[in-house]
Amino acid sequence: MDFLQKLKLVWSDSTLRKRLLFIGAMLIAFRFLSAIPIPGINVAELANFLANNQFFGLLNIFSGGGLSNLSIVMLGVGPYITASIIMQLLT
């Protein structure tokens, strides 16, 4: 069974199709919301700060680049994920 036949089989099931469309919509919404910076943050000064500070530049790498624009989505699980990565590196 090749890839297109498997794709048709998955797409023919209505519950799987609804779930795949929901996941796709959530991924698109997440990407759009991650581009919106927190109000009151000067993105140019933040980029300058991250470029001059090695520690926060490293945190930006660990957070997947979310720290570079301080998006609304970063307020959700970003601090938790960053803290868990740092704790795993330190232990």
Protein backbone atom coordinates (compact mmCIF):
# COMPACT_ATOMS: atom_id res chain seq x y z
CA MET A 1 0.00 0.00 0.00
CA ASP A 2 1.58 3.26 -1.08
CA PHE A 3 1.37 6.62 0.65
CA LEU A 4 -1.53 8.03 -1.38
CA GLN A 5 -3.70 4.99 -0.70
CA LYS A 6 -2.98 5.27 3.03
CA LEU A 7 -3.78 8.97 2.91
CA LYS A 8 -7.10 8.28 1.17
CA LEU A 9 -7.89 5.62 3.77
CA VAL A 10 -7.19 7.99 6.65
CA TRP A 11 -9.08 10.85 4.99
CA SER A 12 -12.16 8.67 4.33
CA ASP A 13 -12.76 8.16 8.07
CA SER A 14 -14.76 11.17 9.31
CA THR A 15 -13.46 11.10 12.90
CA LEU A 16 -9.83 11.00 11.80
CA ARG A 17 -10.48 13.75 9.25
CA LYS A 18 -12.05 15.99 11.94
CA ARG A 19 -9.14 15.35 14.30
CA LEU A 20 -6.54 16.08 11.62
CA LEU A 21 -8.31 19.30 10.62
CA PHE A 22 -8.52 20.37 14.28
CA ILE A 23 -4.80 19.71 14.82
CA GLY A 24 -3.94 21.62 11.64
CA ALA A 25 -6.11 24.57 12.69
CA MET A 26 -4.52 24.65 16.15
CA LEU A 27 -1.01 24.59 14.65
CA ILE A 28 -1.87 27.48 12.34
CA ALA A 29 -3.41 29.46 15.23
CA PHE A 30 -0.34 28.78 17.38
CA ARG A 31 2.00 30.05 14.66
CA PHE A 32 -0.06 33.23 14.20
CA LEU A 33 -0.23 33.90 17.95
CA SER A 34 3.50 33.30 18.35
CA ALA A 35 4.17 36.25 16.03
CA ILE A 36 2.25 38.72 18.23
CA PRO A 37 4.57 40.34 20.80
CA ILE A 38 3.46 41.22 24.32
CA PRO A 39 2.15 44.83 24.43
CA GLY A 40 4.70 47.29 25.77
CA ILE A 41 7.77 45.32 24.63
CA ASN A 42 10.20 47.06 22.29
CA VAL A 43 11.24 44.22 19.99
CA ALA A 44 14.31 46.07 18.65
CA GLU A 45 15.72 46.66 22.14
CA LEU A 46 14.92 43.08 23.12
CA ALA A 47 16.84 41.79 20.09
CA ASN A 48 19.77 44.06 21.00
CA PHE A 49 19.68 42.78 24.60
CA LEU A 50 19.64 39.13 23.49
CA ALA A 51 22.51 39.75 21.08
CA ASN A 52 24.69 41.28 23.81
CA ASN A 53 23.86 38.85 26.62
CA GLN A 54 25.12 35.29 26.17
CA PHE A 55 23.02 33.75 28.96
CA PHE A 56 19.71 35.06 27.63
CA GLY A 57 20.80 34.17 24.11
CA LEU A 58 21.26 30.61 25.33
CA LEU A 59 17.81 30.71 26.95
CA ASN A 60 16.42 31.91 23.64
CA ILE A 61 17.91 28.85 21.95
CA PHE A 62 16.44 26.54 24.61
CA SER A 63 13.00 28.11 24.29
CA GLY A 64 12.95 27.50 20.55
CA GLY A 65 13.36 31.16 19.66
CA GLY A 66 10.23 32.19 21.55
CA LEU A 67 12.16 34.53 23.79
CA SER A 68 13.35 36.61 20.84
CA ASN A 69 9.97 38.27 20.34
CA LEU A 70 8.28 37.55 23.71
CA SER A 71 5.03 36.44 22.14
CA ILE A 72 1.71 35.97 23.88
CA VAL A 73 2.09 32.21 23.47
CA MET A 74 5.44 32.31 25.28
CA LEU A 75 3.60 33.32 28.45
CA GLY A 76 1.74 30.00 28.45
CA VAL A 77 4.08 27.02 28.65
CA GLY A 78 7.34 28.72 27.70
CA PRO A 79 8.61 29.44 31.21
CA TYR A 80 7.74 25.93 32.36
CA ILE A 81 9.52 24.29 29.42
CA THR A 82 12.57 26.51 29.77
CA ALA A 83 12.80 25.80 33.49
CA SER A 84 12.48 22.04 32.96
CA ILE A 85 15.23 22.07 30.33
CA ILE A 86 17.56 24.05 32.59
CA MET A 87 16.85 21.73 35.53
CA GLN A 88 17.58 18.68 33.36
CA LEU A 89 20.86 20.22 32.25
CA LEU A 90 21.88 21.03 35.82
CA THR A 91 21.05 17.61 37.29
